Amino acid sequence: MSCVTRRERKSDLTKDIAMLRLFTALFISLFLGFPALAVTPLDHAHAHNDYWHERPLFDALDHGFMSIEADIMLRDGRLLVGHTASELSDERTLQALYLDPLQALIRDQGGKVYPGQDQPLILLVDLKQDGPDTYRALEKLLPAYADMLTSYRDGVVTPGAVTLVLTGSSAWQVLRMEKERYAFTDASYVELNLNMPPEAMVMLSQKWTQITHWKGEGPLNENEDRFIRKIIAKGHERGAKVRFYATPDEPGPGRDAVWTYLLDAGVDLINTDDLDGLSDFFAARAASAEK
């Protein structure tokens, strides 16, 4: 006859659960590639089309990027990540590549993406088509991630570890009437004149080549310079972070000159596909400032 008591069985079960949680945490840390604690967050770094990297999300986090972009399309009720239909695959969902690993990381690190960093990470989600339908599918998923997402309820914004920002397919129009949501939006300069709820817009994204074709070689046209600075000022008046996309991204002095100009002009996010290149640029800039 067994002499094991109910209390002993309960104790063994508690130990088993604790060991399972420990194993899960170790698995996540070792195999999902969470960033090392020594990573220094780069407040002005935006990973454009992040899913093209070998390790979506994690390569950007390992470099300290504070803004990460993913394109999504709705297919058979699922949100798949990709720039075009030919890139889509069933296993590359928004949840699998971004939402689930971010939630696990944040829980593992005491509610933060980067230890000691209070500024929310931006997850910029580009609705590549069918904006309203795609957003409705996304909207159904987001409450499961409420513990990490910045939220809006009845006029009050509550910061989270991650702020999810929509772009593309007139994203802001699907948010304008909602009293409770876990998503925000960006806008272009021309969209600032539309009837956009001020609390919905958190980013101004403007295509660089619609303003100028300057690639960092020679002087920037004075009129273009004034217009760029006007865009930045207007975005900041709305409390939005400002980002120019389609900026020069080929390594070299021209790209560095454009990045330097943008930062000096007050831009909040530098857009790049080159994670190493932008990280090295910021390191060199910091070293130069210390001299």
Protein backbone atom coordinates (compact mmCIF):
# COMPACT_ATOMS: atom_id res chain seq x y z
CA MET A 1 0.00 0.00 0.00
CA SER A 2 1.30 3.44 -0.90
CA CYS A 3 2.09 5.76 1.98
CA VAL A 4 2.21 8.89 -0.19
CA THR A 5 -0.09 11.53 1.24
CA ARG A 6 -2.21 14.03 -0.64
CA ARG A 7 0.06 16.82 0.61
CA GLU A 8 3.14 15.01 -0.74
CA ARG A 9 1.47 14.48 -4.12
CA LYS A 10 0.56 18.18 -4.23
CA SER A 11 4.14 19.09 -3.35
CA ASP A 12 5.50 16.86 -6.12
CA LEU A 13 3.06 18.40 -8.60
CA THR A 14 4.14 21.90 -7.58
CA LYS A 15 7.79 20.94 -8.13
CA ASP A 16 6.95 19.46 -11.54
CA ILE A 17 5.18 22.67 -12.59
CA ALA A 18 8.11 24.76 -11.39
CA MET A 19 10.56 22.61 -13.34
CA LEU A 20 8.37 22.84 -16.45
CA ARG A 21 8.31 26.63 -16.20
CA LEU A 22 12.08 26.71 -15.74
CA PHE A 23 12.59 24.46 -18.76
CA THR A 24 10.27 26.64 -20.84
CA ALA A 25 12.15 29.79 -19.86
CA LEU A 26 15.48 28.17 -20.72
CA PHE A 27 14.12 26.96 -24.05
CA ILE A 28 12.87 30.43 -24.93
CA SER A 29 16.16 32.07 -23.98
CA LEU A 30 18.38 29.55 -25.75
CA PHE A 31 16.46 28.73 -28.89
CA LEU A 32 14.36 31.77 -29.67
CA GLY A 33 17.37 34.02 -29.38
CA PHE A 34 16.21 36.71 -26.99
CA PRO A 35 18.59 39.65 -26.95
CA ALA A 36 21.38 39.70 -24.41
CA LEU A 37 20.93 41.91 -21.36
CA ALA A 38 23.91 44.03 -22.48
CA VAL A 39 22.08 45.36 -25.57
CA THR A 40 21.86 49.15 -25.60
CA PRO A 41 18.50 50.34 -26.98
CA LEU A 42 18.80 52.61 -30.04
CA ASP A 43 15.94 55.06 -29.63
CA HIS A 44 16.17 56.34 -33.22
CA ALA A 45 16.53 53.01 -35.05
CA HIS A 46 13.73 51.59 -37.25
CA ALA A 47 14.03 48.15 -38.88
CA HIS A 48 12.28 48.44 -42.25
CA ASN A 49 10.77 45.20 -43.61
CA ASP A 50 12.22 43.37 -40.63
CA TYR A 51 10.89 39.97 -41.72
CA TRP A 52 13.48 39.81 -44.52
CA HIS A 53 16.24 39.24 -41.98
CA GLU A 54 17.45 35.75 -41.09
CA ARG A 55 15.81 35.97 -37.66
CA PRO A 56 12.79 38.26 -37.89
CA LEU A 57 12.37 40.39 -34.75
CA PHE A 58 15.40 38.93 -32.95
CA ASP A 59 18.07 40.33 -35.26
CA ALA A 60 16.62 43.81 -34.73
CA LEU A 61 16.35 43.30 -30.96
CA ASP A 62 19.93 42.06 -30.77
CA HIS A 63 20.94 45.38 -32.35
CA GLY A 64 18.79 47.39 -29.91
CA PHE A 65 16.26 48.70 -32.43
CA MET A 66 13.27 50.45 -30.85
CA SER A 67 11.01 50.34 -33.92
CA ILE A 68 10.33 47.27 -36.07
CA GLU A 69 8.20 46.97 -39.21
CA ALA A 70 6.24 44.01 -40.58
CA ASP A 71 3.91 43.82 -43.58
CA ILE A 72 0.81 41.65 -43.30
CA MET A 73 -1.87 40.26 -45.60
CA LEU A 74 -5.11 38.50 -44.73
CA ARG A 75 -5.37 34.98 -46.13
CA ASP A 76 -8.19 32.60 -45.12
CA GLY A 77 -8.67 34.46 -41.86
CA ARG A 78 -4.97 34.40 -40.96
CA LEU A 79 -2.55 37.32 -40.84
CA LEU A 80 0.52 36.29 -42.81
CA VAL A 81 3.73 38.30 -42.94
CA GLY A 82 5.16 39.31 -46.30
CA HIS A 83 5.59 42.13 -48.78
CA THR A 84 3.93 40.33 -51.69
CA ALA A 85 1.63 37.34 -52.04
CA SER A 86 4.50 35.18 -53.32
CA GLU A 87 6.34 35.63 -50.00
CA LEU A 88 3.51 34.34 -47.82
CA SER A 89 3.65 31.00 -46.01
CA ASP A 90 1.31 29.47 -43.48
CA GLU A 91 3.83 29.30 -40.64
CA ARG A 92 4.93 32.95 -40.95
CA THR A 93 2.03 34.56 -39.13
CA LEU A 94 2.09 37.86 -37.26
CA GLN A 95 1.57 35.94 -34.03
CA ALA A 96 4.37 33.45 -34.63
CA LEU A 97 6.99 35.94 -35.82
CA TYR A 98 6.19 38.92 -33.61
CA LEU A 99 3.33 38.92 -31.12
CA ASP A 100 4.00 35.61 -29.37
CA PRO A 101 7.79 35.96 -28.99
CA LEU A 102 7.44 39.59 -27.87
CA GLN A 103 4.91 38.59 -25.22
CA ALA A 104 7.15 35.77 -23.96
CA LEU A 105 10.19 38.05 -23.90
CA ILE A 106 8.38 40.82 -22.03
CA ARG A 107 7.04 38.41 -19.42
CA ASP A 108 10.51 36.92 -19.02
CA GLN A 109 12.09 40.36 -18.53
CA GLY A 110 9.75 41.89 -16.00
CA GLY A 111 7.41 43.69 -18.36
CA LYS A 112 10.00 45.29 -20.65
CA VAL A 113 11.48 44.57 -24.06
CA TYR A 114 14.87 45.87 -22.92
CA PRO A 115 15.73 45.86 -19.19
CA GLY A 116 15.70 49.38 -17.81
CA GLN A 117 14.03 50.85 -20.91
CA ASP A 118 10.67 52.51 -20.24
CA GLN A 119 10.04 53.74 -23.79
CA PRO A 120 7.67 51.38 -25.66
CA LEU A 121 8.96 49.41 -28.61
CA ILE A 122 7.09 50.35 -31.80
CA LEU A 123 5.73 47.48 -33.87
CA LEU A 124 4.75 49.10 -37.17
CA VAL A 125 2.30 46.84 -39.01
CA ASP A 126 1.75 47.65 -42.68
CA LEU A 127 -1.68 46.59 -43.94
CA LYS A 128 -0.73 45.75 -47.52
CA GLN A 129 -4.31 45.40 -48.75
CA ASP A 130 -7.96 45.34 -47.63
CA GLY A 131 -7.29 47.65 -44.69
CA PRO A 132 -10.65 47.35 -42.87
CA ASP A 133 -10.91 43.56 -43.26
CA THR A 134 -7.29 43.02 -42.29
CA TYR A 135 -7.66 45.24 -39.25
CA ARG A 136 -10.82 43.46 -38.09
CA ALA A 137 -8.90 40.18 -38.15
CA LEU A 138 -6.06 41.82 -36.23
CA GLU A 139 -8.46 43.42 -33.77
CA LYS A 140 -9.72 39.99 -32.72
CA LEU A 141 -6.19 38.87 -31.84
CA LEU A 142 -4.96 41.83 -29.85
CA PRO A 143 -6.84 41.37 -26.54
CA ALA A 144 -4.75 38.24 -25.96
CA TYR A 145 -1.70 40.55 -25.86
CA ALA A 146 -3.26 43.24 -23.67
CA ASP A 147 -0.59 42.75 -21.01
CA MET A 148 2.10 44.16 -23.32
CA LEU A 149 0.29 46.58 -25.65
CA THR A 150 -0.30 50.29 -25.31
CA SER A 151 -4.08 50.77 -25.16
CA TYR A 152 -6.70 53.46 -25.71
CA ARG A 153 -9.93 53.51 -23.71
CA ASP A 154 -12.44 56.37 -23.64
CA GLY A 155 -9.87 59.06 -24.32
CA VAL A 156 -7.12 57.66 -22.08
CA VAL A 157 -3.88 56.20 -23.47
CA THR A 158 -2.16 53.66 -21.21
CA PRO A 159 1.44 52.93 -22.26
CA GLY A 160 2.56 49.32 -22.63
CA ALA A 161 5.87 47.68 -23.46
CA VAL A 162 4.86 47.65 -27.14
CA THR A 163 2.92 50.22 -29.15
CA LEU A 164 1.34 48.67 -32.24
CA VAL A 165 1.09 51.22 -35.06
CA LEU A 166 -0.83 50.61 -38.28
CA THR A 167 0.20 51.97 -41.65
CA GLY A 168 -1.04 51.49 -45.22
CA SER A 169 -4.52 51.05 -46.73
CA SER A 170 -5.90 54.17 -44.99
CA ALA A 171 -5.25 52.52 -41.65
CA TRP A 172 -6.34 55.51 -39.59
CA GLN A 173 -9.88 55.38 -40.98
CA VAL A 174 -10.59 52.04 -39.30
CA LEU A 175 -9.60 53.44 -35.90
CA ARG A 176 -11.36 56.78 -35.88
CA MET A 177 -14.65 55.67 -34.31
CA GLU A 178 -13.32 53.17 -31.77
CA LYS A 179 -13.53 53.97 -28.07
CA GLU A 180 -11.34 51.04 -27.05
CA ARG A 181 -8.40 49.63 -29.00
CA TYR A 182 -4.87 48.25 -28.86
CA ALA A 183 -3.65 49.88 -32.07
CA PHE A 184 -2.64 53.34 -33.24
CA THR A 185 -1.75 54.74 -36.65
CA ASP A 186 0.72 56.74 -38.64
CA ALA A 187 0.01 59.37 -41.29
CA SER A 188 1.78 61.11 -44.13
CA TYR A 189 2.24 64.87 -44.22
CA VAL A 190 -0.76 65.42 -46.50
CA GLU A 191 -2.97 63.33 -44.21
CA LEU A 192 -2.41 65.75 -41.34
CA ASN A 193 -5.18 67.91 -42.80
CA LEU A 194 -7.72 65.09 -42.62
CA ASN A 195 -10.12 64.62 -39.73
CA MET A 196 -7.86 62.22 -37.85
CA PRO A 197 -8.37 61.74 -34.10
CA PRO A 198 -5.31 63.30 -32.43
CA GLU A 199 -4.93 60.45 -29.95
CA ALA A 200 -4.88 57.87 -32.76
CA MET A 201 -1.81 59.17 -34.61
CA VAL A 202 1.57 58.46 -33.02
CA MET A 203 3.84 58.53 -36.07
CA LEU A 204 4.30 60.65 -39.19
CA SER A 205 5.79 58.59 -42.04
CA GLN A 206 6.81 60.47 -45.18
CA LYS A 207 8.40 59.10 -48.35
CA TRP A 208 11.79 60.76 -48.82
CA THR A 209 11.74 60.71 -52.63
CA GLN A 210 8.46 62.63 -52.70
CA ILE A 211 10.32 65.52 -51.07
CA THR A 212 13.86 65.31 -52.42
CA HIS A 213 16.26 63.12 -54.37
CA TRP A 214 19.24 64.24 -52.32
CA LYS A 215 21.54 61.29 -51.57
CA GLY A 216 23.94 63.07 -49.28
CA GLU A 217 26.28 64.28 -52.01
CA GLY A 218 26.74 68.01 -52.34
CA PRO A 219 24.45 70.55 -50.66
CA LEU A 220 20.75 69.98 -50.04
CA ASN A 221 18.44 72.40 -51.85
CA GLU A 222 17.39 75.16 -49.44
CA ASN A 223 13.67 74.89 -50.28
CA GLU A 224 13.76 71.13 -49.73
CA ASP A 225 15.58 71.65 -46.45
CA ARG A 226 12.91 74.06 -45.24
CA PHE A 227 10.12 71.69 -46.27
CA ILE A 228 11.73 68.71 -44.53
CA ARG A 229 12.09 70.72 -41.33
CA LYS A 230 8.48 71.88 -41.65
CA ILE A 231 7.30 68.26 -41.87
CA ILE A 232 9.29 67.37 -38.76
CA ALA A 233 7.90 70.35 -36.86
CA LYS A 234 4.31 69.55 -37.87
CA GLY A 235 4.70 65.96 -36.75
CA HIS A 236 6.08 67.03 -33.38
CA GLU A 237 3.22 69.51 -32.96
CA ARG A 238 0.89 66.50 -33.14
CA GLY A 239 2.99 64.60 -30.62
CA ALA A 240 4.07 62.09 -33.28
CA LYS A 241 7.41 60.48 -34.01
CA VAL A 242 8.66 61.42 -37.48
CA ARG A 243 10.18 58.93 -39.93
CA PHE A 244 11.22 59.30 -43.56
CA TYR A 245 11.26 56.09 -45.58
CA ALA A 246 12.89 55.30 -48.94
CA THR A 247 15.95 57.23 -47.81
CA PRO A 248 19.34 56.24 -49.31
CA ASP A 249 20.35 52.89 -47.82
CA GLU A 250 23.48 51.90 -49.72
CA PRO A 251 26.53 51.96 -47.41
CA GLY A 252 28.79 54.93 -47.90
CA PRO A 253 29.39 58.57 -47.00
CA GLY A 254 26.23 59.70 -48.80
CA ARG A 255 23.98 57.58 -46.61
CA ASP A 256 25.82 58.70 -43.49
CA ALA A 257 25.37 62.33 -44.55
CA VAL A 258 21.61 61.87 -44.96
CA TRP A 259 21.28 60.11 -41.60
CA THR A 260 23.34 62.81 -39.90
CA TYR A 261 21.24 65.55 -41.47
CA LEU A 262 17.97 63.88 -40.42
CA LEU A 263 19.04 63.41 -36.82
CA ASP A 264 20.34 66.97 -36.58
CA ALA A 265 17.03 68.19 -38.05
CA GLY A 266 15.09 66.38 -35.31
CA VAL A 267 13.86 63.20 -37.00
CA ASP A 268 12.88 60.54 -34.45
CA LEU A 269 13.45 57.34 -36.44
CA ILE A 270 16.05 56.45 -39.06
CA ASN A 271 14.68 53.92 -41.56
CA THR A 272 16.97 51.10 -42.76
CA ASP A 273 17.23 47.52 -43.97
CA ASP A 274 20.88 47.45 -42.83
CA LEU A 275 20.84 46.65 -39.11
CA ASP A 276 24.62 46.43 -38.79
CA GLY A 277 25.14 49.62 -40.77
CA LEU A 278 22.83 51.76 -38.65
CA SER A 279 24.16 50.27 -35.40
CA ASP A 280 27.72 51.09 -36.48
CA PHE A 281 26.63 54.60 -37.48
CA PHE A 282 25.15 55.28 -34.04
CA ALA A 283 28.23 53.85 -32.33
CA ALA A 284 30.51 56.12 -34.35
CA ARG A 285 28.26 59.11 -33.70
CA ALA A 286 28.30 58.44 -29.95
CA ALA A 287 32.09 58.02 -29.94
CA SER A 288 32.51 61.29 -31.82
CA ALA A 289 30.26 63.12 -29.35
CA GLU A 290 32.44 61.94 -26.44
CA LYS A 291 35.62 63.44 -27.89
